[in-house]
Amino acid sequence: MSPIEWTLLISAACVLLAYGLWRMTRVLLRLPGVAWRIFKGALISLVVGVPLFIFLVSPLLISFLVTRATTRPSDGVLTDTPTSYGVDFIDVEFPSRDGLTVRGWLTEGAASKPTIIACHGLFRSRQEVLERSCRLSKEGFSVLLFDFRRHGQSDEASISLGFLESLDVLGAHDFLKRIQGRQDVVLMGVSMGAVAALHAAGDLQPPPRAVVADSPFLSLQDTVAHHTNLFFGLPSFPFADLFVWNLTRINGYEAGDLDTLQAVRGLENIPILMFQGEDDRRIPLSTTQSIFQAIPSGKKNLVVFPGAGHGAAYRTDPQRYLAEVVEFLGKY
């Protein structure tokens, strides 16, 4: 049965429960006339309306709103550019693999080093990865940092939590190959950006030199179920199932398509560096450890930052973060 069919079944059960309570209460209380009609209406609204809203309306509404959200206001007002950190850059725009226009900045580094494609997280913008990108540029790397679809200054489209965003990463790679003549790239992403990078890595030709994945989630189904419990205290079924069903329906893919475990299992020879905050409640350490263990390549490393929350490893200890990136890329 589909999530909609399960929810309708639950709704029918709620109606039957309300009817049973109505019959029982009428016998017990024997309320007359107007008082009874008011009580009956309130009872039916409570027993039927509340469950219907919580388990049917709200997951469909929230999933729709997520696909139509954008960069959070605190990021939207930021005006820093690489120049703010003493780094020269050029404005660039390029098509995603599905034709959307993606906009970003490109900094110039040494020709002997690969170009880093930097990917921000959900409801953020290129501003999230700006400082670390500039510091890596000063280490000699060229860096292409951009806004995902519907974020920052890129074209509006539906947010998919990483699946369609991987097409933006592929578009960035196509741009570097076609316009800049660069084929050696490193993918670096935070949260949703890390998931998009890991999913894009298997489709790049030539493959990326490495992937730096900061706080990726396990799968669409797993992260929605976890956040449903974390934020609302609700079980996965039916709220998370309906959320996933509607979000994937809007974006035209299956829930199983956005599975980070499956993505990393196909990256046999690509070095992967992972970062994780020890105090991350949104992506628990156990999740990152599961992804790390599934990576078939022996060229991998997991670095845990004590006291760091979700996607906050860089903010917690930027010196260590950058040192780990530079050392890893230098090694592999």
Protein backbone atom coordinates (compact mmCIF):
# COMPACT_ATOMS: atom_id res chain seq x y z
CA MET A 1 0.00 0.00 0.00
CA SER A 2 1.13 3.56 -0.73
CA PRO A 3 1.55 6.15 2.03
CA ILE A 4 -1.68 7.83 0.88
CA GLU A 5 -3.61 4.54 1.13
CA TRP A 6 -2.18 3.86 4.59
CA THR A 7 -3.13 7.36 5.72
CA LEU A 8 -6.68 7.00 4.40
CA LEU A 9 -6.94 3.73 6.29
CA ILE A 10 -5.79 5.45 9.49
CA SER A 11 -8.25 8.28 8.84
CA ALA A 12 -11.09 5.78 8.45
CA ALA A 13 -10.10 4.19 11.74
CA CYS A 14 -10.21 7.64 13.36
CA VAL A 15 -13.72 8.19 11.98
CA LEU A 16 -14.88 4.85 13.38
CA LEU A 17 -13.30 5.71 16.72
CA ALA A 18 -15.06 9.06 16.76
CA TYR A 19 -18.37 7.42 15.96
CA GLY A 20 -17.91 4.90 18.76
CA LEU A 21 -17.05 7.66 21.23
CA TRP A 22 -20.01 9.67 20.04
CA ARG A 23 -22.42 6.78 20.64
CA MET A 24 -20.91 5.96 23.99
CA THR A 25 -20.85 9.57 25.19
CA ARG A 26 -24.44 10.19 24.13
CA VAL A 27 -25.61 7.23 26.14
CA LEU A 28 -23.56 8.25 29.18
CA LEU A 29 -24.22 11.97 29.21
CA ARG A 30 -27.63 12.20 27.49
CA LEU A 31 -27.00 15.80 26.57
CA PRO A 32 -30.08 17.50 25.06
CA GLY A 33 -30.48 19.62 21.93
CA VAL A 34 -27.99 22.43 21.30
CA ALA A 35 -25.57 21.34 24.01
CA TRP A 36 -25.29 17.90 22.44
CA ARG A 37 -24.70 19.26 18.93
CA ILE A 38 -21.91 21.52 20.19
CA PHE A 39 -20.29 18.68 22.09
CA LYS A 40 -20.59 16.32 19.13
CA GLY A 41 -19.01 18.83 16.76
CA ALA A 42 -16.13 19.49 19.12
CA LEU A 43 -15.58 15.77 19.68
CA ILE A 44 -15.53 14.93 15.99
CA SER A 45 -13.21 17.87 15.24
CA LEU A 46 -10.82 16.76 17.96
CA VAL A 47 -10.77 13.05 17.25
CA VAL A 48 -10.86 13.25 13.44
CA GLY A 49 -9.51 16.69 12.56
CA VAL A 50 -6.38 16.69 14.69
CA PRO A 51 -5.06 13.27 13.52
CA LEU A 52 -5.90 14.14 9.92
CA PHE A 53 -3.96 17.39 10.14
CA ILE A 54 -0.96 15.89 11.93
CA PHE A 55 -0.62 12.73 9.86
CA LEU A 56 -2.03 13.73 6.45
CA VAL A 57 -2.11 17.49 5.89
CA SER A 58 1.04 18.62 7.71
CA PRO A 59 3.60 16.24 6.07
CA LEU A 60 2.25 17.07 2.62
CA LEU A 61 2.25 20.79 3.38
CA ILE A 62 5.72 20.83 4.98
CA SER A 63 7.28 18.78 2.17
CA PHE A 64 5.80 21.21 -0.37
CA LEU A 65 7.12 24.20 1.58
CA VAL A 66 10.61 22.63 1.76
CA THR A 67 10.75 22.31 -2.03
CA ARG A 68 9.78 25.99 -2.34
CA ALA A 69 12.05 27.40 0.40
CA THR A 70 15.30 29.23 -0.30
CA THR A 71 18.41 30.68 1.35
CA ARG A 72 17.74 31.63 4.96
CA PRO A 73 17.54 35.38 5.65
CA SER A 74 20.73 35.51 7.73
CA ASP A 75 22.71 34.26 4.73
CA GLY A 76 20.76 36.33 2.24
CA VAL A 77 21.95 39.62 3.70
CA LEU A 78 25.66 38.71 3.58
CA THR A 79 27.66 40.69 1.03
CA ASP A 80 31.18 39.26 1.44
CA THR A 81 33.05 38.10 -1.65
CA PRO A 82 36.47 36.44 -2.01
CA THR A 83 37.91 39.95 -2.17
CA SER A 84 36.86 40.35 1.46
CA TYR A 85 39.46 37.68 2.26
CA GLY A 86 42.13 39.05 -0.06
CA VAL A 87 41.47 36.61 -2.92
CA ASP A 88 40.89 37.59 -6.56
CA PHE A 89 37.90 36.01 -8.32
CA ILE A 90 35.63 36.18 -11.33
CA ASP A 91 31.84 35.89 -11.44
CA VAL A 92 30.72 32.82 -13.36
CA GLU A 93 27.50 31.20 -14.43
CA PHE A 94 26.93 27.84 -16.08
CA PRO A 95 24.11 25.41 -16.88
CA SER A 96 23.26 22.56 -14.57
CA ARG A 97 22.93 19.20 -16.29
CA ASP A 98 19.18 19.83 -16.56
CA GLY A 99 19.54 23.34 -18.02
CA LEU A 100 19.10 25.63 -15.00
CA THR A 101 21.51 28.55 -14.69
CA VAL A 102 23.81 28.25 -11.68
CA ARG A 103 25.85 31.23 -10.50
CA GLY A 104 29.03 31.42 -8.45
CA TRP A 105 32.62 32.60 -8.08
CA LEU A 106 35.87 31.13 -9.35
CA THR A 107 39.23 31.82 -7.72
CA GLU A 108 42.54 31.14 -9.43
CA GLY A 109 45.20 28.90 -7.89
CA ALA A 110 48.25 27.02 -9.04
CA ALA A 111 47.93 25.11 -12.32
CA SER A 112 49.58 22.09 -10.69
CA LYS A 113 46.78 21.65 -8.17
CA PRO A 114 43.19 20.48 -8.76
CA THR A 115 40.20 22.81 -8.64
CA ILE A 116 37.91 22.41 -5.63
CA ILE A 117 34.16 22.52 -6.30
CA ALA A 118 32.63 23.76 -3.02
CA CYS A 119 28.99 22.90 -2.24
CA HIS A 120 26.94 24.50 0.53
CA GLY A 121 24.14 23.03 2.64
CA LEU A 122 20.34 23.25 2.60
CA PHE A 123 18.87 26.78 2.89
CA ARG A 124 22.37 28.29 2.83
CA SER A 125 24.39 29.80 -0.02
CA ARG A 126 27.96 29.97 -1.28
CA GLN A 127 28.57 32.27 1.71
CA GLU A 128 28.63 29.18 3.95
CA VAL A 129 31.79 27.87 2.27
CA LEU A 130 33.32 31.23 1.33
CA GLU A 131 35.90 31.61 4.09
CA ARG A 132 37.25 28.05 3.88
CA SER A 133 37.31 28.31 0.07
CA CYS A 134 39.40 31.47 0.22
CA ARG A 135 41.82 29.95 2.71
CA LEU A 136 42.20 26.90 0.47
CA SER A 137 42.76 29.24 -2.47
CA LYS A 138 45.66 30.76 -0.54
CA GLU A 139 47.04 27.21 -0.26
CA GLY A 140 47.25 27.15 -4.06
CA PHE A 141 43.93 25.54 -5.00
CA SER A 142 41.54 27.07 -7.47
CA VAL A 143 38.00 27.01 -6.04
CA LEU A 144 34.61 27.15 -7.73
CA LEU A 145 31.91 27.95 -5.18
CA PHE A 146 28.32 28.37 -6.31
CA ASP A 147 24.70 28.58 -5.18
CA PHE A 148 22.59 25.47 -5.61
CA ARG A 149 19.29 25.73 -7.48
CA ARG A 150 16.75 27.93 -5.68
CA HIS A 151 19.49 29.18 -3.39
CA GLY A 152 21.35 32.50 -3.50
CA GLN A 153 21.49 33.91 -7.04
CA SER A 154 20.94 30.70 -9.00
CA ASP A 155 17.74 29.94 -10.92
CA GLU A 156 14.64 28.99 -9.01
CA ALA A 157 13.62 25.35 -9.13
CA SER A 158 12.36 22.74 -6.74
CA ILE A 159 14.65 21.71 -3.86
CA SER A 160 15.19 17.96 -3.78
CA LEU A 161 17.54 17.61 -0.75
CA GLY A 162 20.49 16.49 -2.84
CA PHE A 163 19.31 14.39 -5.78
CA LEU A 164 18.72 17.13 -8.37
CA GLU A 165 21.40 19.26 -6.72
CA SER A 166 23.94 16.67 -7.86
CA LEU A 167 23.13 17.86 -11.40
CA ASP A 168 24.36 21.31 -10.36
CA VAL A 169 27.64 19.72 -9.22
CA LEU A 170 27.94 17.92 -12.55
CA GLY A 171 27.24 21.20 -14.34
CA ALA A 172 30.07 22.84 -12.38
CA HIS A 173 32.43 20.10 -13.53
CA ASP A 174 31.23 20.43 -17.15
CA PHE A 175 31.88 24.17 -16.97
CA LEU A 176 35.42 23.72 -15.71
CA LYS A 177 36.18 21.19 -18.45
CA ARG A 178 34.57 23.13 -21.28
CA ILE A 179 35.47 26.72 -20.48
CA GLN A 180 38.50 26.47 -18.25
CA GLY A 181 40.04 23.27 -19.62
CA ARG A 182 40.31 21.81 -16.11
CA GLN A 183 39.72 18.13 -15.53
CA ASP A 184 41.32 17.55 -12.13
CA VAL A 185 38.73 18.46 -9.51
CA VAL A 186 38.02 17.81 -5.85
CA LEU A 187 34.42 17.83 -4.64
CA MET A 188 33.83 19.41 -1.23
CA GLY A 189 30.40 19.73 0.39
CA VAL A 190 28.56 20.34 3.65
CA SER A 191 25.40 18.44 4.66
CA MET A 192 23.13 18.43 1.57
CA GLY A 193 26.13 19.65 -0.43
CA ALA A 194 28.14 16.64 0.75
CA VAL A 195 25.34 14.30 -0.31
CA ALA A 196 25.09 15.96 -3.73
CA ALA A 197 28.87 15.73 -4.14
CA LEU A 198 28.99 12.03 -3.24
CA HIS A 199 26.16 11.27 -5.66
CA ALA A 200 27.79 13.29 -8.45
CA ALA A 201 31.22 11.74 -7.92
CA GLY A 202 30.25 8.46 -9.56
CA ASP A 203 29.10 10.24 -12.73
CA LEU A 204 32.14 12.46 -13.31
CA GLN A 205 34.49 11.68 -16.18
CA PRO A 206 37.29 11.71 -15.35
CA PRO A 207 36.51 10.87 -11.71
CA PRO A 208 37.28 13.50 -9.06
CA ARG A 209 40.69 13.35 -7.44
CA ALA A 210 38.98 13.25 -4.03
CA VAL A 211 35.77 14.07 -2.16
CA VAL A 212 35.58 16.01 1.11
CA ALA A 213 32.20 15.22 2.71
CA ASP A 214 31.19 17.19 5.80
CA SER A 215 28.14 15.81 7.68
CA PRO A 216 26.33 13.90 4.89
CA PHE A 217 23.08 12.10 5.74
CA LEU A 218 22.51 8.38 5.25
CA SER A 219 19.50 8.48 2.91
CA LEU A 220 16.42 10.57 2.26
CA GLN A 221 14.17 8.17 4.15
CA ASP A 222 16.52 7.91 7.12
CA THR A 223 17.13 11.64 7.53
CA VAL A 224 13.44 12.56 7.22
CA ALA A 225 12.49 9.89 9.76
CA HIS A 226 15.20 11.09 12.14
CA HIS A 227 14.21 14.77 11.82
CA THR A 228 10.53 13.88 12.23
CA ASN A 229 11.32 12.35 15.60
CA LEU A 230 13.87 15.03 16.55
CA PHE A 231 11.73 18.08 15.78
CA PHE A 232 8.16 16.79 16.25
CA GLY A 233 8.53 13.71 18.44
CA LEU A 234 6.52 11.71 15.90
CA PRO A 235 7.14 8.17 14.64
CA SER A 236 8.33 7.67 11.10
CA PHE A 237 4.99 6.28 9.92
CA PRO A 238 2.99 7.88 8.47
CA PHE A 239 4.41 11.43 8.76
CA ALA A 240 7.92 10.79 7.35
CA ASP A 241 6.61 8.40 4.69
CA LEU A 242 4.13 10.96 3.40
CA PHE A 243 6.78 13.70 3.48
CA VAL A 244 9.18 11.58 1.43
CA TRP A 245 6.42 10.44 -0.96
CA ASN A 246 5.34 14.00 -1.72
CA LEU A 247 8.85 15.48 -1.97
CA THR A 248 10.01 12.79 -4.39
CA ARG A 249 6.75 13.03 -6.36
CA ILE A 250 7.29 16.78 -6.81
CA ASN A 251 10.90 16.28 -7.92
CA GLY A 252 10.34 13.21 -10.10
CA TYR A 253 12.57 10.61 -8.46
CA GLU A 254 12.25 7.61 -6.14
CA ALA A 255 13.21 7.73 -2.47
CA GLY A 256 15.75 4.95 -3.01
CA ASP A 257 17.60 7.12 -5.54
CA LEU A 258 18.88 9.37 -2.75
CA ASP A 259 20.87 6.83 -0.76
CA THR A 260 24.36 7.89 0.30
CA LEU A 261 25.37 4.35 1.31
CA GLN A 262 24.69 3.14 -2.21
CA ALA A 263 26.48 6.14 -3.70
CA VAL A 264 29.73 5.62 -1.76
CA ARG A 265 29.79 1.88 -2.48
CA GLY A 266 30.35 2.77 -6.12
CA LEU A 267 33.36 5.00 -5.41
CA GLU A 268 35.96 2.26 -5.28
CA ASN A 269 39.11 4.21 -6.07
CA ILE A 270 38.23 7.76 -5.01
CA PRO A 271 39.84 9.12 -1.80
CA ILE A 272 37.15 10.36 0.60
CA LEU A 273 37.72 12.59 3.62
CA MET A 274 34.77 12.89 6.02
CA PHE A 275 34.13 15.46 8.76
CA GLN A 276 31.62 15.06 11.55
CA GLY A 277 30.63 17.04 14.65
CA GLU A 278 30.54 14.90 17.78
CA ASP A 279 27.51 16.82 19.11
CA ASP A 280 25.55 16.79 15.85
CA ARG A 281 21.95 15.87 16.74
CA ARG A 282 20.69 16.18 13.16
CA ILE A 283 23.25 13.79 11.64
CA PRO A 284 24.41 11.53 14.48
CA LEU A 285 27.99 10.27 14.55
CA SER A 286 26.69 6.72 14.06
CA THR A 287 25.27 7.79 10.69
CA THR A 288 28.62 9.11 9.47
CA GLN A 289 30.38 6.00 10.76
CA SER A 290 27.98 3.82 8.75
CA ILE A 291 28.76 5.78 5.58
CA PHE A 292 32.49 5.68 6.30
CA GLN A 293 32.46 1.91 6.79
CA ALA A 294 30.62 1.46 3.47
CA ILE A 295 33.34 3.28 1.49
CA PRO A 296 35.23 0.54 -0.40
CA SER A 297 38.36 2.63 -0.98
CA GLY A 298 41.23 2.28 1.47
CA LYS A 299 42.00 5.94 0.81
CA LYS A 300 39.63 7.37 3.38
CA ASN A 301 39.65 9.20 6.67
CA LEU A 302 37.00 10.26 9.20
CA VAL A 303 37.76 13.27 11.40
CA VAL A 304 35.47 13.94 14.38
CA PHE A 305 35.31 17.41 15.95
CA PRO A 306 34.44 17.43 19.68
CA GLY A 307 31.76 19.94 20.64
CA ALA A 308 30.72 20.63 17.04
CA GLY A 309 27.08 20.58 15.98
CA HIS A 310 25.66 19.98 12.52
CA GLY A 311 27.94 21.24 9.76
CA ALA A 312 29.91 23.22 12.34
CA ALA A 313 33.25 21.43 12.22
CA TYR A 314 34.90 24.31 10.36
CA ARG A 315 33.50 26.96 12.70
CA THR A 316 34.62 24.94 15.73
CA ASP A 317 38.25 24.55 14.67
CA PRO A 318 39.05 26.10 11.27
CA GLN A 319 42.79 25.54 11.59
CA ARG A 320 42.41 21.81 12.15
CA TYR A 321 39.76 21.56 9.44
CA LEU A 322 41.95 23.17 6.81
CA ALA A 323 45.05 21.27 7.91
CA GLU A 324 43.18 17.98 7.51
CA VAL A 325 41.99 18.94 4.01
CA VAL A 326 45.42 20.08 2.83
CA GLU A 327 47.15 17.02 4.30
CA PHE A 328 44.62 14.60 2.81
CA LEU A 329 44.74 16.14 -0.65
CA GLY A 330 48.51 16.27 -0.52
CA LYS A 331 48.66 12.59 0.39
CA TYR A 332 46.34 11.34 -2.32
